[in-house]
Amino acid sequence: MKTDLLQRITIEPGKCGGRPCIRGMRIRVQDILDMLAAGTSEEEILRDYPYLERDDIRAAITYAAAYLNHTIVPARTR
């Protein structure tokens, strides 16, 4: 499951400064983490960003956890 979630994270040099994004869209992993840290619920995020899926939020959290663990996290490039 963890690998499936991480496949939702993409990095494209010309998009969002090459920062990790969700499924090639212009919403960064950091954006989702910032919203969660500010107390925004998953339900609120999904309502405000209807193109996101619950697994996108989980992917952002999984990516951050792996990054903090200094694990090499592969991301798809386009």
PDB file of N, CA and C in Angstrom:
ATOM      1  N   MET A   1       0.826  -1.198   0.000  1.00  0.00           N
ATOM      2  CA  MET A   1       0.000   0.000   0.000  1.00  0.00           C
ATOM      3  C   MET A   1       0.869   1.261   0.000  1.00  0.00           C
ATOM      4  N   LYS A   2       1.957   1.251   0.789  1.00  0.00           N
ATOM      5  CA  LYS A   2       2.823   2.425   0.866  1.00  0.00           C
ATOM      6  C   LYS A   2       3.375   2.790  -0.503  1.00  0.00           C
ATOM      7  N   THR A   3       3.813   1.795  -1.258  1.00  0.00           N
ATOM      8  CA  THR A   3       4.347   2.050  -2.592  1.00  0.00           C
ATOM      9  C   THR A   3       3.269   2.606  -3.511  1.00  0.00           C
ATOM     10  N   ASP A   4       2.062   2.074  -3.413  1.00  0.00           N
ATOM     11  CA  ASP A   4       0.956   2.588  -4.224  1.00  0.00           C
ATOM     12  C   ASP A   4       0.706   4.058  -3.925  1.00  0.00           C
ATOM     13  N   LEU A   5       0.732   4.418  -2.655  1.00  0.00           N
ATOM     14  CA  LEU A   5       0.508   5.813  -2.289  1.00  0.00           C
ATOM     15  C   LEU A   5       1.615   6.706  -2.832  1.00  0.00           C
ATOM     16  N   LEU A   6       2.848   6.264  -2.729  1.00  0.00           N
ATOM     17  CA  LEU A   6       3.962   7.094  -3.172  1.00  0.00           C
ATOM     18  C   LEU A   6       3.967   7.311  -4.677  1.00  0.00           C
ATOM     19  N   GLN A   7       3.302   6.456  -5.426  1.00  0.00           N
ATOM     20  CA  GLN A   7       3.223   6.658  -6.868  1.00  0.00           C
ATOM     21  C   GLN A   7       2.357   7.861  -7.219  1.00  0.00           C
ATOM     22  N   ARG A   8       1.604   8.363  -6.263  1.00  0.00           N
ATOM     23  CA  ARG A   8       0.795   9.563  -6.467  1.00  0.00           C
ATOM     24  C   ARG A   8       1.640  10.837  -6.407  1.00  0.00           C
ATOM     25  N   ILE A   9       2.864  10.727  -5.911  1.00  0.00           N
ATOM     26  CA  ILE A   9       3.748  11.883  -5.776  1.00  0.00           C
ATOM     27  C   ILE A   9       4.598  12.001  -7.038  1.00  0.00           C
ATOM     28  N   THR A  10       4.565  13.184  -7.632  1.00  0.00           N
ATOM     29  CA  THR A  10       5.337  13.420  -8.854  1.00  0.00           C
ATOM     30  C   THR A  10       6.220  14.649  -8.658  1.00  0.00           C
ATOM     31  N   ILE A  11       7.339  14.644  -9.369  1.00  0.00           N
ATOM     32  CA  ILE A  11       8.239  15.787  -9.368  1.00  0.00           C
ATOM     33  C   ILE A  11       8.541  16.118 -10.821  1.00  0.00           C
ATOM     34  N   GLU A  12       8.235  17.360 -11.189  1.00  0.00           N
ATOM     35  CA  GLU A  12       8.494  17.834 -12.544  1.00  0.00           C
ATOM     36  C   GLU A  12       9.305  19.114 -12.444  1.00  0.00           C
ATOM     37  N   PRO A  13      10.454  19.161 -13.108  1.00  0.00           N
ATOM     38  CA  PRO A  13      11.326  20.330 -12.983  1.00  0.00           C
ATOM     39  C   PRO A  13      10.628  21.667 -13.261  1.00  0.00           C
ATOM     40  N   GLY A  14       9.728  21.730 -14.201  1.00  0.00           N
ATOM     41  CA  GLY A  14       9.082  22.988 -14.563  1.00  0.00           C
ATOM     42  C   GLY A  14       7.788  23.282 -13.830  1.00  0.00           C
ATOM     43  N   LYS A  15       7.447  22.460 -12.863  1.00  0.00           N
ATOM     44  CA  LYS A  15       6.173  22.632 -12.149  1.00  0.00           C
ATOM     45  C   LYS A  15       6.441  22.821 -10.664  1.00  0.00           C
ATOM     46  N   CYS A  16       5.942  23.901 -10.114  1.00  0.00           N
ATOM     47  CA  CYS A  16       6.067  24.199  -8.678  1.00  0.00           C
ATOM     48  C   CYS A  16       7.517  24.155  -8.210  1.00  0.00           C
ATOM     49  N   GLY A  17       8.405  24.629  -9.060  1.00  0.00           N
ATOM     50  CA  GLY A  17       9.813  24.688  -8.691  1.00  0.00           C
ATOM     51  C   GLY A  17      10.458  23.337  -8.472  1.00  0.00           C
ATOM     52  N   GLY A  18       9.886  22.302  -9.068  1.00  0.00           N
ATOM     53  CA  GLY A  18      10.450  20.963  -8.912  1.00  0.00           C
ATOM     54  C   GLY A  18      10.135  20.318  -7.581  1.00  0.00           C
ATOM     55  N   ARG A  19       9.208  20.904  -6.850  1.00  0.00           N
ATOM     56  CA  ARG A  19       8.832  20.338  -5.548  1.00  0.00           C
ATOM     57  C   ARG A  19       7.847  19.188  -5.732  1.00  0.00           C
ATOM     58  N   PRO A  20       7.781  18.270  -4.776  1.00  0.00           N
ATOM     59  CA  PRO A  20       6.865  17.133  -4.875  1.00  0.00           C
ATOM     60  C   PRO A  20       5.402  17.606  -4.917  1.00  0.00           C
ATOM     61  N   CYS A  21       4.677  17.089  -5.895  1.00  0.00           N
ATOM     62  CA  CYS A  21       3.276  17.442  -6.105  1.00  0.00           C
ATOM     63  C   CYS A  21       2.415  16.182  -6.107  1.00  0.00           C
ATOM     64  N   ILE A  22       1.136  16.401  -6.096  1.00  0.00           N
ATOM     65  CA  ILE A  22       0.175  15.298  -6.132  1.00  0.00           C
ATOM     66  C   ILE A  22      -0.258  15.044  -7.570  1.00  0.00           C
ATOM     67  N   ARG A  23      -0.001  13.843  -8.041  1.00  0.00           N
ATOM     68  CA  ARG A  23      -0.450  13.348  -9.344  1.00  0.00           C
ATOM     69  C   ARG A  23      -0.256  14.336 -10.496  1.00  0.00           C
ATOM     70  N   GLY A  24       0.853  15.036 -10.509  1.00  0.00           N
ATOM     71  CA  GLY A  24       1.156  15.947 -11.609  1.00  0.00           C
ATOM     72  C   GLY A  24       0.376  17.247 -11.580  1.00  0.00           C
ATOM     73  N   MET A  25      -0.422  17.447 -10.548  1.00  0.00           N
ATOM     74  CA  MET A  25      -1.190  18.685 -10.430  1.00  0.00           C
ATOM     75  C   MET A  25      -0.336  19.741  -9.741  1.00  0.00           C
ATOM     76  N   ARG A  26      -0.814  20.932  -9.718  1.00  0.00           N
ATOM     77  CA  ARG A  26      -0.075  22.027  -9.087  1.00  0.00           C
ATOM     78  C   ARG A  26      -0.470  22.196  -7.623  1.00  0.00           C
ATOM     79  N   ILE A  27      -0.619  21.101  -6.940  1.00  0.00           N
ATOM     80  CA  ILE A  27      -0.789  21.152  -5.496  1.00  0.00           C
ATOM     81  C   ILE A  27       0.347  20.350  -4.880  1.00  0.00           C
ATOM     82  N   ARG A  28       1.137  21.047  -4.085  1.00  0.00           N
ATOM     83  CA  ARG A  28       2.349  20.446  -3.533  1.00  0.00           C
ATOM     84  C   ARG A  28       2.036  19.601  -2.298  1.00  0.00           C
ATOM     85  N   VAL A  29       2.897  18.654  -2.037  1.00  0.00           N
ATOM     86  CA  VAL A  29       2.819  17.874  -0.809  1.00  0.00           C
ATOM     87  C   VAL A  29       2.816  18.841   0.369  1.00  0.00           C
ATOM     88  N   GLN A  30       3.659  19.865   0.302  1.00  0.00           N
ATOM     89  CA  GLN A  30       3.756  20.855   1.377  1.00  0.00           C
ATOM     90  C   GLN A  30       2.429  21.575   1.608  1.00  0.00           C
ATOM     91  N   ASP A  31       1.680  21.846   0.542  1.00  0.00           N
ATOM     92  CA  ASP A  31       0.378  22.515   0.688  1.00  0.00           C
ATOM     93  C   ASP A  31      -0.563  21.677   1.553  1.00  0.00           C
ATOM     94  N   ILE A  32      -0.608  20.393   1.277  1.00  0.00           N
ATOM     95  CA  ILE A  32      -1.479  19.495   2.032  1.00  0.00           C
ATOM     96  C   ILE A  32      -1.016  19.405   3.482  1.00  0.00           C
ATOM     97  N   LEU A  33       0.284  19.269   3.676  1.00  0.00           N
ATOM     98  CA  LEU A  33       0.809  19.185   5.041  1.00  0.00           C
ATOM     99  C   LEU A  33       0.543  20.467   5.817  1.00  0.00           C
ATOM    100  N   ASP A  34       0.684  21.613   5.170  1.00  0.00           N
ATOM    101  CA  ASP A  34       0.404  22.888   5.831  1.00  0.00           C
ATOM    102  C   ASP A  34      -1.057  22.978   6.260  1.00  0.00           C
ATOM    103  N   MET A  35      -1.956  22.531   5.393  1.00  0.00           N
ATOM    104  CA  MET A  35      -3.377  22.563   5.746  1.00  0.00           C
ATOM    105  C   MET A  35      -3.666  21.663   6.938  1.00  0.00           C
ATOM    106  N   LEU A  36      -3.105  20.456   6.922  1.00  0.00           N
ATOM    107  CA  LEU A  36      -3.313  19.539   8.041  1.00  0.00           C
ATOM    108  C   LEU A  36      -2.729  20.106   9.330  1.00  0.00           C
ATOM    109  N   ALA A  37      -1.543  20.706   9.244  1.00  0.00           N
ATOM    110  CA  ALA A  37      -0.895  21.283  10.425  1.00  0.00           C
ATOM    111  C   ALA A  37      -1.696  22.448  10.994  1.00  0.00           C
ATOM    112  N   ALA A  38      -2.427  23.147  10.125  1.00  0.00           N
ATOM    113  CA  ALA A  38      -3.252  24.276  10.565  1.00  0.00           C
ATOM    114  C   ALA A  38      -4.579  23.819  11.152  1.00  0.00           C
ATOM    115  N   GLY A  39      -4.807  22.503  11.131  1.00  0.00           N
ATOM    116  CA  GLY A  39      -6.035  21.973  11.715  1.00  0.00           C
ATOM    117  C   GLY A  39      -7.155  21.722  10.733  1.00  0.00           C
ATOM    118  N   THR A  40      -6.887  21.875   9.454  1.00  0.00           N
ATOM    119  CA  THR A  40      -7.896  21.589   8.440  1.00  0.00           C
ATOM    120  C   THR A  40      -8.117  20.086   8.376  1.00  0.00           C
ATOM    121  N   SER A  41      -9.365  19.665   8.405  1.00  0.00           N
ATOM    122  CA  SER A  41      -9.659  18.235   8.374  1.00  0.00           C
ATOM    123  C   SER A  41      -9.529  17.702   6.944  1.00  0.00           C
ATOM    124  N   GLU A  42      -9.380  16.389   6.846  1.00  0.00           N
ATOM    125  CA  GLU A  42      -9.346  15.765   5.520  1.00  0.00           C
ATOM    126  C   GLU A  42     -10.616  16.093   4.751  1.00  0.00           C
ATOM    127  N   GLU A  43     -11.745  16.069   5.427  1.00  0.00           N
ATOM    128  CA  GLU A  43     -13.026  16.342   4.779  1.00  0.00           C
ATOM    129  C   GLU A  43     -13.060  17.761   4.211  1.00  0.00           C
ATOM    130  N   GLU A  44     -12.524  18.726   4.963  1.00  0.00           N
ATOM    131  CA  GLU A  44     -12.482  20.107   4.479  1.00  0.00           C
ATOM    132  C   GLU A  44     -11.573  20.234   3.258  1.00  0.00           C
ATOM    133  N   ILE A  45     -10.427  19.584   3.311  1.00  0.00           N
ATOM    134  CA  ILE A  45      -9.500  19.633   2.170  1.00  0.00           C
ATOM    135  C   ILE A  45     -10.174  19.050   0.936  1.00  0.00           C
ATOM    136  N   LEU A  46     -10.816  17.904   1.096  1.00  0.00           N
ATOM    137  CA  LEU A  46     -11.463  17.259  -0.053  1.00  0.00           C
ATOM    138  C   LEU A  46     -12.630  18.095  -0.577  1.00  0.00           C
ATOM    139  N   ARG A  47     -13.305  18.791   0.297  1.00  0.00           N
ATOM    140  CA  ARG A  47     -14.407  19.655  -0.141  1.00  0.00           C
ATOM    141  C   ARG A  47     -13.863  20.881  -0.890  1.00  0.00           C
ATOM    142  N   ASP A  48     -12.786  21.470  -0.371  1.00  0.00           N
ATOM    143  CA  ASP A  48     -12.219  22.674  -0.984  1.00  0.00           C
ATOM    144  C   ASP A  48     -11.427  22.380  -2.256  1.00  0.00           C
ATOM    145  N   TYR A  49     -10.933  21.174  -2.385  1.00  0.00           N
ATOM    146  CA  TYR A  49     -10.145  20.752  -3.551  1.00  0.00           C
ATOM    147  C   TYR A  49     -10.758  19.463  -4.094  1.00  0.00           C
ATOM    148  N   PRO A  50     -11.868  19.567  -4.804  1.00  0.00           N
ATOM    149  CA  PRO A  50     -12.611  18.371  -5.220  1.00  0.00           C
ATOM    150  C   PRO A  50     -11.851  17.438  -6.162  1.00  0.00           C
ATOM    151  N   TYR A  51     -10.776  17.906  -6.749  1.00  0.00           N
ATOM    152  CA  TYR A  51      -9.977  17.049  -7.629  1.00  0.00           C
ATOM    153  C   TYR A  51      -9.014  16.165  -6.838  1.00  0.00           C
ATOM    154  N   LEU A  52      -8.893  16.403  -5.537  1.00  0.00           N
ATOM    155  CA  LEU A  52      -8.065  15.543  -4.691  1.00  0.00           C
ATOM    156  C   LEU A  52      -8.862  14.344  -4.208  1.00  0.00           C
ATOM    157  N   GLU A  53      -8.150  13.293  -3.898  1.00  0.00           N
ATOM    158  CA  GLU A  53      -8.746  12.081  -3.347  1.00  0.00           C
ATOM    159  C   GLU A  53      -8.142  11.822  -1.973  1.00  0.00           C
ATOM    160  N   ARG A  54      -8.855  11.096  -1.159  1.00  0.00           N
ATOM    161  CA  ARG A  54      -8.378  10.815   0.202  1.00  0.00           C
ATOM    162  C   ARG A  54      -6.972  10.197   0.175  1.00  0.00           C
ATOM    163  N   ASP A  55      -6.710   9.322  -0.775  1.00  0.00           N
ATOM    164  CA  ASP A  55      -5.377   8.711  -0.863  1.00  0.00           C
ATOM    165  C   ASP A  55      -4.300   9.731  -1.235  1.00  0.00           C
ATOM    166  N   ASP A  56      -4.663  10.858  -1.848  1.00  0.00           N
ATOM    167  CA  ASP A  56      -3.683  11.911  -2.120  1.00  0.00           C
ATOM    168  C   ASP A  56      -3.185  12.502  -0.803  1.00  0.00           C
ATOM    169  N   ILE A  57      -4.084  12.680   0.143  1.00  0.00           N
ATOM    170  CA  ILE A  57      -3.702  13.203   1.457  1.00  0.00           C
ATOM    171  C   ILE A  57      -2.808  12.192   2.166  1.00  0.00           C
ATOM    172  N   ARG A  58      -3.192  10.946   2.114  1.00  0.00           N
ATOM    173  CA  ARG A  58      -2.372   9.895   2.734  1.00  0.00           C
ATOM    174  C   ARG A  58      -1.000   9.794   2.064  1.00  0.00           C
ATOM    175  N   ALA A  59      -0.971   9.998   0.756  1.00  0.00           N
ATOM    176  CA  ALA A  59       0.304   9.964   0.035  1.00  0.00           C
ATOM    177  C   ALA A  59       1.221  11.086   0.508  1.00  0.00           C
ATOM    178  N   ALA A  60       0.667  12.262   0.720  1.00  0.00           N
ATOM    179  CA  ALA A  60       1.471  13.393   1.201  1.00  0.00           C
ATOM    180  C   ALA A  60       2.067  13.088   2.571  1.00  0.00           C
ATOM    181  N   ILE A  61       1.269  12.509   3.445  1.00  0.00           N
ATOM    182  CA  ILE A  61       1.743  12.164   4.790  1.00  0.00           C
ATOM    183  C   ILE A  61       2.806  11.066   4.708  1.00  0.00           C
ATOM    184  N   THR A  62       2.565  10.076   3.875  1.00  0.00           N
ATOM    185  CA  THR A  62       3.514   8.975   3.703  1.00  0.00           C
ATOM    186  C   THR A  62       4.838   9.486   3.148  1.00  0.00           C
ATOM    187  N   TYR A  63       4.765  10.379   2.171  1.00  0.00           N
ATOM    188  CA  TYR A  63       5.973  10.954   1.580  1.00  0.00           C
ATOM    189  C   TYR A  63       6.766  11.722   2.634  1.00  0.00           C
ATOM    190  N   ALA A  64       6.077  12.536   3.420  1.00  0.00           N
ATOM    191  CA  ALA A  64       6.750  13.324   4.449  1.00  0.00           C
ATOM    192  C   ALA A  64       7.401  12.420   5.493  1.00  0.00           C
ATOM    193  N   ALA A  65       6.705  11.375   5.896  1.00  0.00           N
ATOM    194  CA  ALA A  65       7.257  10.452   6.890  1.00  0.00           C
ATOM    195  C   ALA A  65       8.511   9.769   6.350  1.00  0.00           C
ATOM    196  N   ALA A  66       8.477   9.347   5.108  1.00  0.00           N
ATOM    197  CA  ALA A  66       9.646   8.700   4.507  1.00  0.00           C
ATOM    198  C   ALA A  66      10.796   9.690   4.368  1.00  0.00           C
ATOM    199  N   TYR A  67      10.484  10.922   3.983  1.00  0.00           N
ATOM    200  CA  TYR A  67      11.509  11.951   3.832  1.00  0.00           C
ATOM    201  C   TYR A  67      12.195  12.230   5.166  1.00  0.00           C
ATOM    202  N   LEU A  68      11.416  12.328   6.223  1.00  0.00           N
ATOM    203  CA  LEU A  68      11.981  12.600   7.543  1.00  0.00           C
ATOM    204  C   LEU A  68      12.791  11.427   8.076  1.00  0.00           C
ATOM    205  N   ASN A  69      12.488  10.250   7.567  1.00  0.00           N
ATOM    206  CA  ASN A  69      13.229   9.056   7.965  1.00  0.00           C
ATOM    207  C   ASN A  69      14.488   8.896   7.116  1.00  0.00           C
ATOM    208  N   HIS A  70      14.734   9.847   6.237  1.00  0.00           N
ATOM    209  CA  HIS A  70      15.888   9.846   5.348  1.00  0.00           C
ATOM    210  C   HIS A  70      15.887   8.654   4.405  1.00  0.00           C
ATOM    211  N   THR A  71      14.704   8.168   4.110  1.00  0.00           N
ATOM    212  CA  THR A  71      14.561   7.102   3.140  1.00  0.00           C
ATOM    213  C   THR A  71      14.562   7.726   1.739  1.00  0.00           C
ATOM    214  N   ILE A  72      15.163   7.063   0.806  1.00  0.00           N
ATOM    215  CA  ILE A  72      15.107   7.541  -0.577  1.00  0.00           C
ATOM    216  C   ILE A  72      13.711   7.244  -1.095  1.00  0.00           C
ATOM    217  N   VAL A  73      13.013   8.292  -1.512  1.00  0.00           N
ATOM    218  CA  VAL A  73      11.635   8.151  -1.961  1.00  0.00           C
ATOM    219  C   VAL A  73      11.601   8.419  -3.463  1.00  0.00           C
ATOM    220  N   PRO A  74      11.347   7.381  -4.256  1.00  0.00           N
ATOM    221  CA  PRO A  74      11.263   7.615  -5.692  1.00  0.00           C
ATOM    222  C   PRO A  74       9.971   8.335  -6.050  1.00  0.00           C
ATOM    223  N   ALA A  75      10.047   9.218  -7.003  1.00  0.00           N
ATOM    224  CA  ALA A  75       8.862   9.904  -7.498  1.00  0.00           C
ATOM    225  C   ALA A  75       8.881   9.775  -9.018  1.00  0.00           C
ATOM    226  N   ARG A  76       7.707   9.724  -9.585  1.00  0.00           N
ATOM    227  CA  ARG A  76       7.623   9.648 -11.038  1.00  0.00           C
ATOM    228  C   ARG A  76       7.972  11.012 -11.624  1.00  0.00           C
ATOM    229  N   THR A  77       8.689  11.029 -12.689  1.00  0.00           N
ATOM    230  CA  THR A  77       8.947  12.268 -13.405  1.00  0.00           C
ATOM    231  C   THR A  77       8.230  12.210 -14.724  1.00  0.00           C
ATOM    232  N   ARG A  78       7.845  13.355 -15.181  1.00  0.00           N
ATOM    233  CA  ARG A  78       7.102  13.408 -16.455  1.00  0.00           C
ATOM    234  C   ARG A  78       7.907  14.101 -17.488  1.00  0.00           C
TER     235      ARG A  78
END
